[in-house]
Amino acid sequence: MYNWNGAIASNPKSVKAKEKFLQTLRDAKERYIHVSAHGSAHDEEGKPTETRIQAGIWLELKPTDIYRKDKTGTTRLWPEKGHTPYIIVATACEAGRQDLANAFWKAGCRYYVAPLHKVPWINSAIFSTLFYYYLLVKRWSPIAAFRKTIERLPDQTGKWILYEKGKKKPNRSVSTNLDKITGTVEIHRRRSSNSNSCQARRA
């Protein structure tokens, strides 16, 4: 949805199998990725959390599908660290699990946003609309955009979670000084002799 050169572009893809889903994430060139699907979490004692995502059929997504480290070595969904997504937003119910967010971070994705509980479709649509407005139109950082969205939707407090580097960020109100918020993304225009371009810089 958000390309490497800073341009907003939609590139929707539909998948109906787990390996196809993972491959689509792996091959994505966009820095901002949105996963729209139904979901539910399944906990079994002594085993990693499984997040069931309905992508045509139900598929079971485990943290080890994203990042795994064992005696054989380390496996990441995105082997090349220079080409990993900056943020993944998943609107699948109960997909906002700590272990899944941590796996995405270890695989190279800095931000992960998802609902921790079951959320009606209309609430997901409203949340996504507001969040992307602040993120892409107002060009706020993911943290600032998330907090402002929750501020506008107080009934969603605690239902949606934002993780930065695998750690949950508190849902406190947005600061009046956005530059003081950790992780602020400054997007500025750089003029050239040929054309204007948009470039993102991480604070």
N, C-alpha and C. Protein backbone atom coordinates (compact mmCIF):
# COMPACT_ATOMS: atom_id res chain seq x y z
N MET A 1 0.82 -1.20 0.00
CA MET A 1 0.00 0.00 0.00
C MET A 1 0.85 1.26 0.00
N TYR A 2 2.04 1.15 0.57
CA TYR A 2 2.92 2.32 0.65
C TYR A 2 4.28 1.91 0.11
N ASN A 3 4.66 2.46 -1.02
CA ASN A 3 5.85 2.00 -1.71
C ASN A 3 7.14 2.57 -1.11
N TRP A 4 8.25 1.99 -1.55
CA TRP A 4 9.56 2.39 -1.03
C TRP A 4 9.90 3.83 -1.37
N ASN A 5 9.36 4.37 -2.48
CA ASN A 5 9.70 5.73 -2.86
C ASN A 5 8.79 6.76 -2.20
N GLY A 6 7.91 6.30 -1.32
CA GLY A 6 7.07 7.23 -0.58
C GLY A 6 5.71 7.46 -1.20
N ALA A 7 5.42 6.87 -2.34
CA ALA A 7 4.13 7.09 -3.00
C ALA A 7 3.08 6.13 -2.47
N ILE A 8 1.86 6.62 -2.32
CA ILE A 8 0.76 5.78 -1.88
C ILE A 8 0.21 5.02 -3.08
N ALA A 9 0.15 3.72 -2.96
CA ALA A 9 -0.35 2.89 -4.06
C ALA A 9 -1.01 1.65 -3.50
N SER A 10 -2.14 1.27 -4.07
CA SER A 10 -2.85 0.08 -3.63
C SER A 10 -2.45 -1.10 -4.49
N ASN A 11 -2.14 -2.21 -3.84
CA ASN A 11 -1.74 -3.41 -4.57
C ASN A 11 -2.38 -4.63 -3.89
N PRO A 12 -3.73 -4.72 -3.96
CA PRO A 12 -4.42 -5.81 -3.25
C PRO A 12 -4.15 -7.17 -3.84
N LYS A 13 -4.07 -8.17 -2.96
CA LYS A 13 -3.87 -9.55 -3.38
C LYS A 13 -4.79 -10.46 -2.57
N SER A 14 -5.33 -11.48 -3.22
CA SER A 14 -6.20 -12.44 -2.56
C SER A 14 -5.50 -13.80 -2.51
N VAL A 15 -5.46 -14.40 -1.33
CA VAL A 15 -4.79 -15.70 -1.19
C VAL A 15 -5.73 -16.68 -0.49
N LYS A 16 -5.55 -17.97 -0.75
CA LYS A 16 -6.45 -18.98 -0.19
C LYS A 16 -5.70 -20.17 0.40
N ALA A 17 -4.44 -19.98 0.76
CA ALA A 17 -3.68 -21.07 1.38
C ALA A 17 -2.57 -20.45 2.23
N LYS A 18 -2.15 -21.19 3.24
CA LYS A 18 -1.14 -20.67 4.18
C LYS A 18 0.17 -20.33 3.49
N GLU A 19 0.70 -21.25 2.70
CA GLU A 19 1.98 -21.00 2.04
C GLU A 19 1.89 -19.83 1.08
N LYS A 20 0.73 -19.71 0.41
CA LYS A 20 0.54 -18.58 -0.50
C LYS A 20 0.48 -17.28 0.27
N PHE A 21 -0.15 -17.32 1.44
CA PHE A 21 -0.23 -16.13 2.30
C PHE A 21 1.16 -15.69 2.74
N LEU A 22 1.95 -16.63 3.23
CA LEU A 22 3.31 -16.32 3.67
C LEU A 22 4.18 -15.85 2.52
N GLN A 23 4.01 -16.47 1.36
CA GLN A 23 4.80 -16.09 0.19
C GLN A 23 4.45 -14.67 -0.26
N THR A 24 3.16 -14.33 -0.17
CA THR A 24 2.72 -12.98 -0.54
C THR A 24 3.34 -11.95 0.38
N LEU A 25 3.38 -12.23 1.68
CA LEU A 25 4.03 -11.33 2.63
C LEU A 25 5.53 -11.24 2.34
N ARG A 26 6.13 -12.38 2.05
CA ARG A 26 7.57 -12.43 1.81
C ARG A 26 7.96 -11.62 0.56
N ASP A 27 7.12 -11.67 -0.46
CA ASP A 27 7.45 -11.02 -1.74
C ASP A 27 7.00 -9.57 -1.81
N ALA A 28 6.25 -9.11 -0.83
CA ALA A 28 5.70 -7.75 -0.87
C ALA A 28 6.81 -6.70 -0.92
N LYS A 29 6.66 -5.75 -1.80
CA LYS A 29 7.62 -4.65 -1.90
C LYS A 29 7.15 -3.42 -1.13
N GLU A 30 5.89 -3.44 -0.72
CA GLU A 30 5.33 -2.30 0.00
C GLU A 30 5.85 -2.26 1.43
N ARG A 31 6.01 -1.06 1.96
CA ARG A 31 6.47 -0.91 3.34
C ARG A 31 5.31 -0.98 4.32
N TYR A 32 4.11 -0.62 3.87
CA TYR A 32 2.93 -0.65 4.72
C TYR A 32 2.02 -1.75 4.19
N ILE A 33 1.73 -2.75 5.03
CA ILE A 33 0.93 -3.90 4.60
C ILE A 33 -0.32 -4.01 5.47
N HIS A 34 -1.46 -4.20 4.81
CA HIS A 34 -2.73 -4.39 5.51
C HIS A 34 -3.26 -5.78 5.23
N VAL A 35 -3.55 -6.53 6.30
CA VAL A 35 -4.11 -7.88 6.17
C VAL A 35 -5.58 -7.82 6.60
N SER A 36 -6.48 -7.99 5.64
CA SER A 36 -7.91 -7.95 5.92
C SER A 36 -8.45 -9.37 5.90
N ALA A 37 -8.92 -9.85 7.04
CA ALA A 37 -9.40 -11.24 7.12
C ALA A 37 -10.15 -11.45 8.43
N HIS A 38 -10.85 -12.57 8.52
CA HIS A 38 -11.42 -12.99 9.80
C HIS A 38 -10.32 -13.69 10.59
N GLY A 39 -10.47 -13.76 11.89
CA GLY A 39 -9.43 -14.42 12.67
C GLY A 39 -9.91 -14.85 14.04
N SER A 40 -9.17 -15.75 14.65
CA SER A 40 -9.40 -16.16 16.04
C SER A 40 -8.11 -16.79 16.55
N ALA A 41 -7.90 -16.68 17.85
CA ALA A 41 -6.69 -17.22 18.46
C ALA A 41 -7.00 -18.54 19.14
N HIS A 42 -6.03 -19.44 19.08
CA HIS A 42 -6.20 -20.76 19.68
C HIS A 42 -5.00 -21.05 20.55
N ASP A 43 -5.24 -21.23 21.84
CA ASP A 43 -4.17 -21.53 22.79
C ASP A 43 -4.27 -22.98 23.24
N GLU A 44 -3.16 -23.67 23.18
CA GLU A 44 -3.11 -25.04 23.68
C GLU A 44 -1.93 -25.14 24.62
N GLU A 45 -2.14 -25.61 25.81
CA GLU A 45 -1.11 -25.63 26.84
C GLU A 45 0.15 -26.33 26.35
N GLY A 46 1.28 -25.61 26.53
CA GLY A 46 2.56 -26.18 26.14
C GLY A 46 2.93 -25.99 24.69
N LYS A 47 2.03 -25.33 23.92
CA LYS A 47 2.31 -25.11 22.51
C LYS A 47 2.19 -23.63 22.17
N PRO A 48 2.88 -23.18 21.09
CA PRO A 48 2.79 -21.77 20.70
C PRO A 48 1.36 -21.40 20.31
N THR A 49 1.04 -20.11 20.44
CA THR A 49 -0.27 -19.62 20.04
C THR A 49 -0.46 -19.79 18.54
N GLU A 50 -1.66 -20.20 18.16
CA GLU A 50 -2.00 -20.26 16.75
C GLU A 50 -3.07 -19.22 16.47
N THR A 51 -2.84 -18.37 15.50
CA THR A 51 -3.83 -17.40 15.09
C THR A 51 -4.46 -17.90 13.80
N ARG A 52 -5.73 -18.21 13.86
CA ARG A 52 -6.42 -18.73 12.68
C ARG A 52 -6.93 -17.57 11.85
N ILE A 53 -6.50 -17.51 10.61
CA ILE A 53 -6.90 -16.45 9.70
C ILE A 53 -7.68 -17.06 8.55
N GLN A 54 -8.82 -16.46 8.25
CA GLN A 54 -9.63 -16.96 7.15
C GLN A 54 -9.28 -16.23 5.88
N ALA A 55 -8.47 -16.89 5.06
CA ALA A 55 -8.08 -16.34 3.76
C ALA A 55 -8.59 -17.32 2.71
N GLY A 56 -9.89 -17.23 2.44
CA GLY A 56 -10.51 -18.22 1.57
C GLY A 56 -10.87 -19.45 2.38
N ILE A 57 -9.87 -20.03 3.05
CA ILE A 57 -10.07 -21.12 4.00
C ILE A 57 -9.36 -20.70 5.29
N TRP A 58 -9.69 -21.39 6.39
CA TRP A 58 -9.00 -21.08 7.63
C TRP A 58 -7.57 -21.61 7.58
N LEU A 59 -6.62 -20.77 7.94
CA LEU A 59 -5.22 -21.21 8.01
C LEU A 59 -4.68 -20.87 9.39
N GLU A 60 -3.81 -21.70 9.89
CA GLU A 60 -3.24 -21.52 11.22
C GLU A 60 -1.86 -20.90 11.11
N LEU A 61 -1.77 -19.68 11.60
CA LEU A 61 -0.52 -18.93 11.54
C LEU A 61 0.15 -18.96 12.90
N LYS A 62 1.35 -19.51 12.96
CA LYS A 62 2.11 -19.60 14.20
C LYS A 62 3.26 -18.59 14.19
N PRO A 63 3.70 -18.13 15.36
CA PRO A 63 4.86 -17.24 15.41
C PRO A 63 6.08 -17.85 14.71
N THR A 64 6.22 -19.16 14.79
CA THR A 64 7.37 -19.82 14.16
C THR A 64 7.29 -19.81 12.64
N ASP A 65 6.12 -19.49 12.09
CA ASP A 65 6.01 -19.33 10.64
C ASP A 65 6.67 -18.02 10.20
N ILE A 66 6.75 -17.08 11.14
CA ILE A 66 7.31 -15.76 10.84
C ILE A 66 8.80 -15.70 11.21
N TYR A 67 9.11 -16.24 12.38
CA TYR A 67 10.50 -16.23 12.87
C TYR A 67 10.74 -17.48 13.69
N ARG A 68 11.84 -18.15 13.40
CA ARG A 68 12.17 -19.37 14.15
C ARG A 68 13.68 -19.45 14.34
N LYS A 69 14.06 -19.77 15.58
CA LYS A 69 15.48 -19.95 15.89
C LYS A 69 15.62 -21.24 16.68
N ASP A 70 16.36 -22.17 16.12
CA ASP A 70 16.57 -23.45 16.79
C ASP A 70 17.99 -23.94 16.51
N LYS A 71 18.23 -25.21 16.76
CA LYS A 71 19.58 -25.76 16.58
C LYS A 71 20.05 -25.70 15.14
N THR A 72 19.11 -25.68 14.21
CA THR A 72 19.48 -25.66 12.79
C THR A 72 19.80 -24.26 12.29
N GLY A 73 19.47 -23.24 13.11
CA GLY A 73 19.75 -21.87 12.70
C GLY A 73 18.53 -20.97 12.86
N THR A 74 18.59 -19.83 12.20
CA THR A 74 17.52 -18.83 12.28
C THR A 74 16.82 -18.71 10.94
N THR A 75 15.49 -18.72 10.99
CA THR A 75 14.70 -18.58 9.77
C THR A 75 13.78 -17.38 9.93
N ARG A 76 13.86 -16.42 9.01
CA ARG A 76 13.01 -15.23 9.02
C ARG A 76 12.13 -15.22 7.79
N LEU A 77 10.92 -14.67 7.95
CA LEU A 77 10.03 -14.57 6.80
C LEU A 77 10.64 -13.69 5.72
N TRP A 78 11.35 -12.63 6.16
CA TRP A 78 12.05 -11.75 5.22
C TRP A 78 13.54 -11.89 5.47
N PRO A 79 14.23 -12.70 4.68
CA PRO A 79 15.66 -12.95 4.90
C PRO A 79 16.52 -11.69 4.73
N GLU A 80 16.11 -10.80 3.83
CA GLU A 80 16.89 -9.58 3.57
C GLU A 80 16.39 -8.47 4.47
N LYS A 81 17.22 -8.04 5.41
CA LYS A 81 16.82 -7.04 6.38
C LYS A 81 16.53 -5.68 5.74
N GLY A 82 17.11 -5.40 4.61
CA GLY A 82 16.91 -4.10 3.97
C GLY A 82 15.57 -3.96 3.28
N HIS A 83 14.86 -5.06 3.10
CA HIS A 83 13.58 -5.00 2.41
C HIS A 83 12.50 -5.70 3.23
N THR A 84 12.21 -5.11 4.38
CA THR A 84 11.17 -5.65 5.26
C THR A 84 10.09 -4.58 5.42
N PRO A 85 8.85 -4.99 5.69
CA PRO A 85 7.79 -3.99 5.89
C PRO A 85 8.05 -3.14 7.12
N TYR A 86 7.60 -1.90 7.08
CA TYR A 86 7.75 -0.98 8.21
C TYR A 86 6.63 -1.21 9.21
N ILE A 87 5.42 -1.49 8.69
CA ILE A 87 4.27 -1.72 9.56
C ILE A 87 3.32 -2.71 8.90
N ILE A 88 2.74 -3.58 9.73
CA ILE A 88 1.69 -4.49 9.28
C ILE A 88 0.46 -4.23 10.15
N VAL A 89 -0.66 -4.00 9.49
CA VAL A 89 -1.94 -3.83 10.18
C VAL A 89 -2.81 -5.02 9.81
N ALA A 90 -3.26 -5.77 10.80
CA ALA A 90 -4.13 -6.92 10.56
C ALA A 90 -5.47 -6.66 11.24
N THR A 91 -6.55 -6.73 10.49
CA THR A 91 -7.87 -6.50 11.08
C THR A 91 -8.57 -7.80 11.44
N ALA A 92 -7.82 -8.89 11.48
CA ALA A 92 -8.38 -10.19 11.87
C ALA A 92 -8.58 -10.23 13.38
N CYS A 93 -9.75 -10.67 13.82
CA CYS A 93 -10.05 -10.74 15.26
C CYS A 93 -8.99 -11.57 16.00
N GLU A 94 -8.61 -11.08 17.18
CA GLU A 94 -7.69 -11.77 18.09
C GLU A 94 -6.30 -11.99 17.49
N ALA A 95 -5.94 -11.21 16.49
CA ALA A 95 -4.61 -11.35 15.88
C ALA A 95 -3.55 -10.50 16.58
N GLY A 96 -3.98 -9.70 17.57
CA GLY A 96 -3.03 -8.83 18.25
C GLY A 96 -2.33 -9.51 19.40
N ARG A 97 -1.77 -10.67 19.16
CA ARG A 97 -1.10 -11.44 20.20
C ARG A 97 0.36 -11.03 20.32
N GLN A 98 0.85 -11.03 21.57
CA GLN A 98 2.23 -10.61 21.84
C GLN A 98 3.25 -11.47 21.10
N ASP A 99 3.05 -12.80 21.11
CA ASP A 99 4.04 -13.67 20.49
C ASP A 99 4.08 -13.49 18.97
N LEU A 100 2.94 -13.19 18.37
CA LEU A 100 2.91 -12.97 16.93
C LEU A 100 3.58 -11.64 16.59
N ALA A 101 3.30 -10.61 17.39
CA ALA A 101 3.92 -9.30 17.19
C ALA A 101 5.43 -9.39 17.36
N ASN A 102 5.87 -10.14 18.35
CA ASN A 102 7.30 -10.30 18.60
C ASN A 102 7.99 -11.03 17.44
N ALA A 103 7.28 -12.00 16.87
CA ALA A 103 7.84 -12.74 15.73
C ALA A 103 7.99 -11.83 14.52
N PHE A 104 7.00 -10.97 14.28
CA PHE A 104 7.09 -10.02 13.17
C PHE A 104 8.27 -9.06 13.37
N TRP A 105 8.48 -8.62 14.63
CA TRP A 105 9.60 -7.72 14.90
C TRP A 105 10.94 -8.42 14.67
N LYS A 106 11.08 -9.63 15.16
CA LYS A 106 12.33 -10.36 14.98
C LYS A 106 12.59 -10.68 13.50
N ALA A 107 11.49 -10.76 12.73
CA ALA A 107 11.65 -11.01 11.30
C ALA A 107 11.96 -9.73 10.53
N GLY A 108 11.79 -8.57 11.20
CA GLY A 108 12.19 -7.32 10.56
C GLY A 108 11.15 -6.23 10.47
N CYS A 109 9.90 -6.48 10.91
CA CYS A 109 8.85 -5.47 10.82
C CYS A 109 8.76 -4.70 12.14
N ARG A 110 8.92 -3.39 12.08
CA ARG A 110 8.99 -2.59 13.31
C ARG A 110 7.65 -2.44 14.03
N TYR A 111 6.57 -2.20 13.29
CA TYR A 111 5.27 -1.96 13.91
C TYR A 111 4.26 -3.02 13.50
N TYR A 112 3.40 -3.38 14.46
CA TYR A 112 2.33 -4.34 14.20
C TYR A 112 1.09 -3.87 14.93
N VAL A 113 -0.02 -3.76 14.21
CA VAL A 113 -1.29 -3.30 14.77
C VAL A 113 -2.36 -4.34 14.48
N ALA A 114 -3.12 -4.72 15.51
CA ALA A 114 -4.19 -5.71 15.33
C ALA A 114 -5.11 -5.69 16.54
N PRO A 115 -6.34 -6.21 16.39
CA PRO A 115 -7.24 -6.29 17.54
C PRO A 115 -6.88 -7.46 18.44
N LEU A 116 -6.94 -7.23 19.74
CA LEU A 116 -6.64 -8.29 20.70
C LEU A 116 -7.86 -9.16 20.95
N HIS A 117 -9.03 -8.57 20.73
CA HIS A 117 -10.29 -9.29 20.98
C HIS A 117 -11.10 -9.38 19.70
N LYS A 118 -12.31 -9.88 19.82
CA LYS A 118 -13.21 -9.93 18.67
C LYS A 118 -13.75 -8.53 18.41
N VAL A 119 -13.71 -8.11 17.15
CA VAL A 119 -14.14 -6.77 16.76
C VAL A 119 -15.09 -6.87 15.58
N PRO A 120 -16.28 -6.25 15.66
CA PRO A 120 -17.20 -6.27 14.52
C PRO A 120 -16.57 -5.64 13.29
N TRP A 121 -17.02 -6.11 12.12
CA TRP A 121 -16.45 -5.62 10.86
C TRP A 121 -16.55 -4.11 10.74
N ILE A 122 -17.69 -3.53 11.12
CA ILE A 122 -17.87 -2.09 10.97
C ILE A 122 -16.88 -1.32 11.83
N ASN A 123 -16.56 -1.84 13.02
CA ASN A 123 -15.57 -1.19 13.89
C ASN A 123 -14.19 -1.24 13.26
N SER A 124 -13.86 -2.37 12.62
CA SER A 124 -12.57 -2.49 11.94
C SER A 124 -12.47 -1.49 10.80
N ALA A 125 -13.57 -1.33 10.07
CA ALA A 125 -13.58 -0.40 8.94
C ALA A 125 -13.38 1.04 9.40
N ILE A 126 -14.06 1.42 10.47
CA ILE A 126 -13.93 2.78 10.99
C ILE A 126 -12.53 3.01 11.56
N PHE A 127 -12.03 2.02 12.32
CA PHE A 127 -10.68 2.13 12.88
C PHE A 127 -9.66 2.31 11.76
N SER A 128 -9.74 1.47 10.74
CA SER A 128 -8.77 1.52 9.65
C SER A 128 -8.82 2.85 8.91
N THR A 129 -10.03 3.35 8.67
CA THR A 129 -10.19 4.62 7.96
C THR A 129 -9.52 5.76 8.72
N LEU A 130 -9.79 5.84 10.01
CA LEU A 130 -9.19 6.91 10.82
C LEU A 130 -7.68 6.74 10.93
N PHE A 131 -7.24 5.52 11.21
CA PHE A 131 -5.82 5.28 11.40
C PHE A 131 -5.02 5.65 10.14
N TYR A 132 -5.50 5.20 8.99
CA TYR A 132 -4.77 5.50 7.76
C TYR A 132 -4.87 6.98 7.38
N TYR A 133 -5.94 7.63 7.78
CA TYR A 133 -6.03 9.08 7.54
C TYR A 133 -4.90 9.81 8.25
N TYR A 134 -4.73 9.49 9.53
CA TYR A 134 -3.66 10.15 10.30
C TYR A 134 -2.28 9.69 9.85
N LEU A 135 -2.16 8.44 9.47
CA LEU A 135 -0.86 7.88 9.10
C LEU A 135 -0.40 8.34 7.72
N LEU A 136 -1.31 8.29 6.73
CA LEU A 136 -0.92 8.56 5.35
C LEU A 136 -1.27 9.95 4.85
N VAL A 137 -2.40 10.48 5.31
CA VAL A 137 -2.79 11.82 4.85
C VAL A 137 -2.16 12.90 5.73
N LYS A 138 -2.31 12.75 7.04
CA LYS A 138 -1.70 13.71 7.96
C LYS A 138 -0.21 13.46 8.13
N ARG A 139 0.24 12.25 7.76
CA ARG A 139 1.66 11.87 7.82
C ARG A 139 2.21 11.88 9.25
N TRP A 140 1.41 11.33 10.16
CA TRP A 140 1.86 11.17 11.52
C TRP A 140 2.59 9.83 11.66
N SER A 141 3.30 9.68 12.76
CA SER A 141 3.95 8.40 13.05
C SER A 141 2.89 7.35 13.34
N PRO A 142 3.22 6.06 13.23
CA PRO A 142 2.25 5.02 13.58
C PRO A 142 1.73 5.16 15.01
N ILE A 143 2.60 5.53 15.93
CA ILE A 143 2.19 5.66 17.33
C ILE A 143 1.21 6.82 17.49
N ALA A 144 1.53 7.97 16.91
CA ALA A 144 0.65 9.13 17.01
C ALA A 144 -0.69 8.86 16.32
N ALA A 145 -0.64 8.22 15.15
CA ALA A 145 -1.87 7.91 14.41
C ALA A 145 -2.74 6.94 15.20
N PHE A 146 -2.12 5.96 15.81
CA PHE A 146 -2.87 4.97 16.59
C PHE A 146 -3.53 5.61 17.81
N ARG A 147 -2.78 6.40 18.54
CA ARG A 147 -3.31 7.01 19.75
C ARG A 147 -4.43 8.00 19.44
N LYS A 148 -4.29 8.74 18.35
CA LYS A 148 -5.34 9.67 17.97
C LYS A 148 -6.60 8.92 17.54
N THR A 149 -6.42 7.81 16.85
CA THR A 149 -7.56 7.00 16.43
C THR A 149 -8.32 6.46 17.64
N ILE A 150 -7.59 5.95 18.63
CA ILE A 150 -8.22 5.43 19.84
C ILE A 150 -8.89 6.56 20.62
N GLU A 151 -8.27 7.74 20.58
CA GLU A 151 -8.86 8.90 21.24
C GLU A 151 -10.20 9.24 20.61
N ARG A 152 -10.31 9.07 19.30
CA ARG A 152 -11.56 9.34 18.59
C ARG A 152 -12.58 8.21 18.76
N LEU A 153 -12.09 7.03 19.10
CA LEU A 153 -12.95 5.86 19.27
C LEU A 153 -12.75 5.27 20.66
N PRO A 154 -13.18 5.97 21.70
CA PRO A 154 -12.89 5.52 23.08
C PRO A 154 -13.44 4.14 23.39
N ASP A 155 -14.50 3.71 22.71
CA ASP A 155 -15.06 2.38 22.99
C ASP A 155 -14.17 1.27 22.47
N GLN A 156 -13.13 1.64 21.68
CA GLN A 156 -12.20 0.64 21.15
C GLN A 156 -10.93 0.53 21.98
N THR A 157 -10.83 1.33 23.05
CA THR A 157 -9.66 1.29 23.92
C THR A 157 -9.47 -0.11 24.51
N GLY A 158 -8.29 -0.66 24.36
CA GLY A 158 -7.99 -1.99 24.87
C GLY A 158 -8.32 -3.11 23.90
N LYS A 159 -9.10 -2.79 22.87
CA LYS A 159 -9.47 -3.82 21.89
C LYS A 159 -8.42 -3.92 20.78
N TRP A 160 -7.78 -2.78 20.48
CA TRP A 160 -6.73 -2.74 19.47
C TRP A 160 -5.38 -2.51 20.14
N ILE A 161 -4.36 -3.14 19.62
CA ILE A 161 -3.02 -3.05 20.20
C ILE A 161 -2.02 -2.63 19.13
N LEU A 162 -1.14 -1.73 19.51
CA LEU A 162 -0.02 -1.37 18.64
C LEU A 162 1.27 -1.82 19.31
N TYR A 163 2.08 -2.55 18.57
CA TYR A 163 3.38 -3.01 19.06
C TYR A 163 4.49 -2.30 18.28
N GLU A 164 5.49 -1.88 19.00
CA GLU A 164 6.71 -1.36 18.37
C GLU A 164 7.87 -2.22 18.84
N LYS A 165 8.56 -2.82 17.90
CA LYS A 165 9.68 -3.71 18.21
C LYS A 165 9.24 -4.83 19.14
N GLY A 166 8.03 -5.34 18.91
CA GLY A 166 7.52 -6.46 19.68
C GLY A 166 6.97 -6.12 21.05
N LYS A 167 6.96 -4.82 21.42
CA LYS A 167 6.47 -4.40 22.72
C LYS A 167 5.22 -3.55 22.58
N LYS A 168 4.25 -3.81 23.44
CA LYS A 168 2.99 -3.09 23.39
C LYS A 168 3.17 -1.64 23.83
N LYS A 169 2.58 -0.72 23.06
CA LYS A 169 2.62 0.69 23.41
C LYS A 169 1.32 1.08 24.09
N PRO A 170 1.37 1.88 25.15
CA PRO A 170 0.15 2.27 25.87
C PRO A 170 -0.77 3.12 25.01
N ASN A 171 -2.08 3.04 25.29
CA ASN A 171 -3.07 3.77 24.51
C ASN A 171 -3.36 5.16 25.08
N ARG A 172 -2.34 5.88 25.48
CA ARG A 172 -2.60 7.20 26.04
C ARG A 172 -2.84 8.20 24.92
N SER A 173 -3.38 9.36 25.27
CA SER A 173 -3.75 10.37 24.28
C SER A 173 -2.54 10.87 23.52
N VAL A 174 -2.79 11.33 22.31
CA VAL A 174 -1.71 11.80 21.46
C VAL A 174 -1.12 13.09 22.03
N SER A 175 0.19 13.24 21.93
CA SER A 175 0.87 14.44 22.43
C SER A 175 0.61 15.60 21.49
N THR A 176 0.61 16.80 22.05
CA THR A 176 0.43 17.97 21.21
C THR A 176 1.69 18.26 20.41
N ASN A 177 2.81 17.73 20.87
CA ASN A 177 4.06 17.90 20.15
C ASN A 177 4.46 16.55 19.57
N LEU A 178 4.12 16.33 18.31
CA LEU A 178 4.33 15.02 17.70
C LEU A 178 5.80 14.65 17.61
N ASP A 179 6.69 15.65 17.56
CA ASP A 179 8.11 15.35 17.44
C ASP A 179 8.66 14.68 18.69
N LYS A 180 7.95 14.76 19.81
CA LYS A 180 8.44 14.17 21.05
C LYS A 180 7.99 12.72 21.21
N ILE A 181 7.15 12.25 20.30
CA ILE A 181 6.68 10.87 20.39
C ILE A 181 7.72 9.94 19.79
N THR A 182 8.09 8.92 20.55
CA THR A 182 9.07 7.95 20.08
C THR A 182 8.62 7.31 18.78
N GLY A 183 9.52 7.25 17.82
CA GLY A 183 9.19 6.59 16.56
C GLY A 183 8.52 7.49 15.56
N THR A 184 8.52 8.81 15.79
CA THR A 184 7.89 9.72 14.84
C THR A 184 8.53 9.58 13.47
N VAL A 185 7.71 9.50 12.45
CA VAL A 185 8.20 9.43 11.08
C VAL A 185 8.00 10.78 10.45
N GLU A 186 9.06 11.42 10.06
CA GLU A 186 8.97 12.70 9.38
C GLU A 186 9.00 12.45 7.89
N ILE A 187 7.96 12.89 7.21
CA ILE A 187 7.91 12.75 5.77
C ILE A 187 8.03 14.14 5.17
N HIS A 188 9.03 14.35 4.41
CA HIS A 188 9.27 15.67 3.86
C HIS A 188 9.48 15.59 2.36
N ARG A 189 9.31 16.68 1.72
CA ARG A 189 9.48 16.73 0.28
C ARG A 189 10.89 17.21 -0.06
N ARG A 190 11.52 16.52 -0.98
CA ARG A 190 12.85 16.89 -1.41
C ARG A 190 12.76 17.32 -2.85
N ARG A 191 13.11 18.55 -3.10
CA ARG A 191 13.02 19.07 -4.46
C ARG A 191 14.25 18.67 -5.26
N SER A 192 14.02 18.36 -6.49
CA SER A 192 15.12 18.06 -7.41
C SER A 192 14.88 18.83 -8.69
N SER A 193 15.85 18.84 -9.55
CA SER A 193 15.73 19.57 -10.80
C SER A 193 14.71 18.95 -11.72
N ASN A 194 14.43 17.66 -11.52
CA ASN A 194 13.51 16.96 -12.41
C ASN A 194 12.09 16.94 -11.88
N SER A 195 11.90 16.57 -10.59
CA SER A 195 10.56 16.43 -10.03
C SER A 195 10.60 16.50 -8.52
N ASN A 196 9.43 16.59 -7.93
CA ASN A 196 9.32 16.54 -6.48
C ASN A 196 9.14 15.11 -6.04
N SER A 197 9.81 14.71 -5.01
CA SER A 197 9.68 13.35 -4.51
C SER A 197 9.42 13.38 -3.02
N CYS A 198 8.84 12.32 -2.53
CA CYS A 198 8.49 12.23 -1.11
C CYS A 198 9.38 11.19 -0.47
N GLN A 199 10.02 11.53 0.62
CA GLN A 199 10.96 10.61 1.26
C GLN A 199 10.63 10.51 2.73
N ALA A 200 10.69 9.29 3.28
CA ALA A 200 10.41 9.05 4.68
C ALA A 200 11.72 8.91 5.45
N ARG A 201 11.77 9.54 6.62
CA ARG A 201 12.95 9.41 7.46
C ARG A 201 12.51 9.01 8.86
N ARG A 202 13.14 7.98 9.38
CA ARG A 202 12.81 7.52 10.73
C ARG A 202 13.59 8.31 11.74
N ALA A 203 12.86 8.83 12.74
CA ALA A 203 13.53 9.60 13.78
C ALA A 203 14.27 8.65 14.71
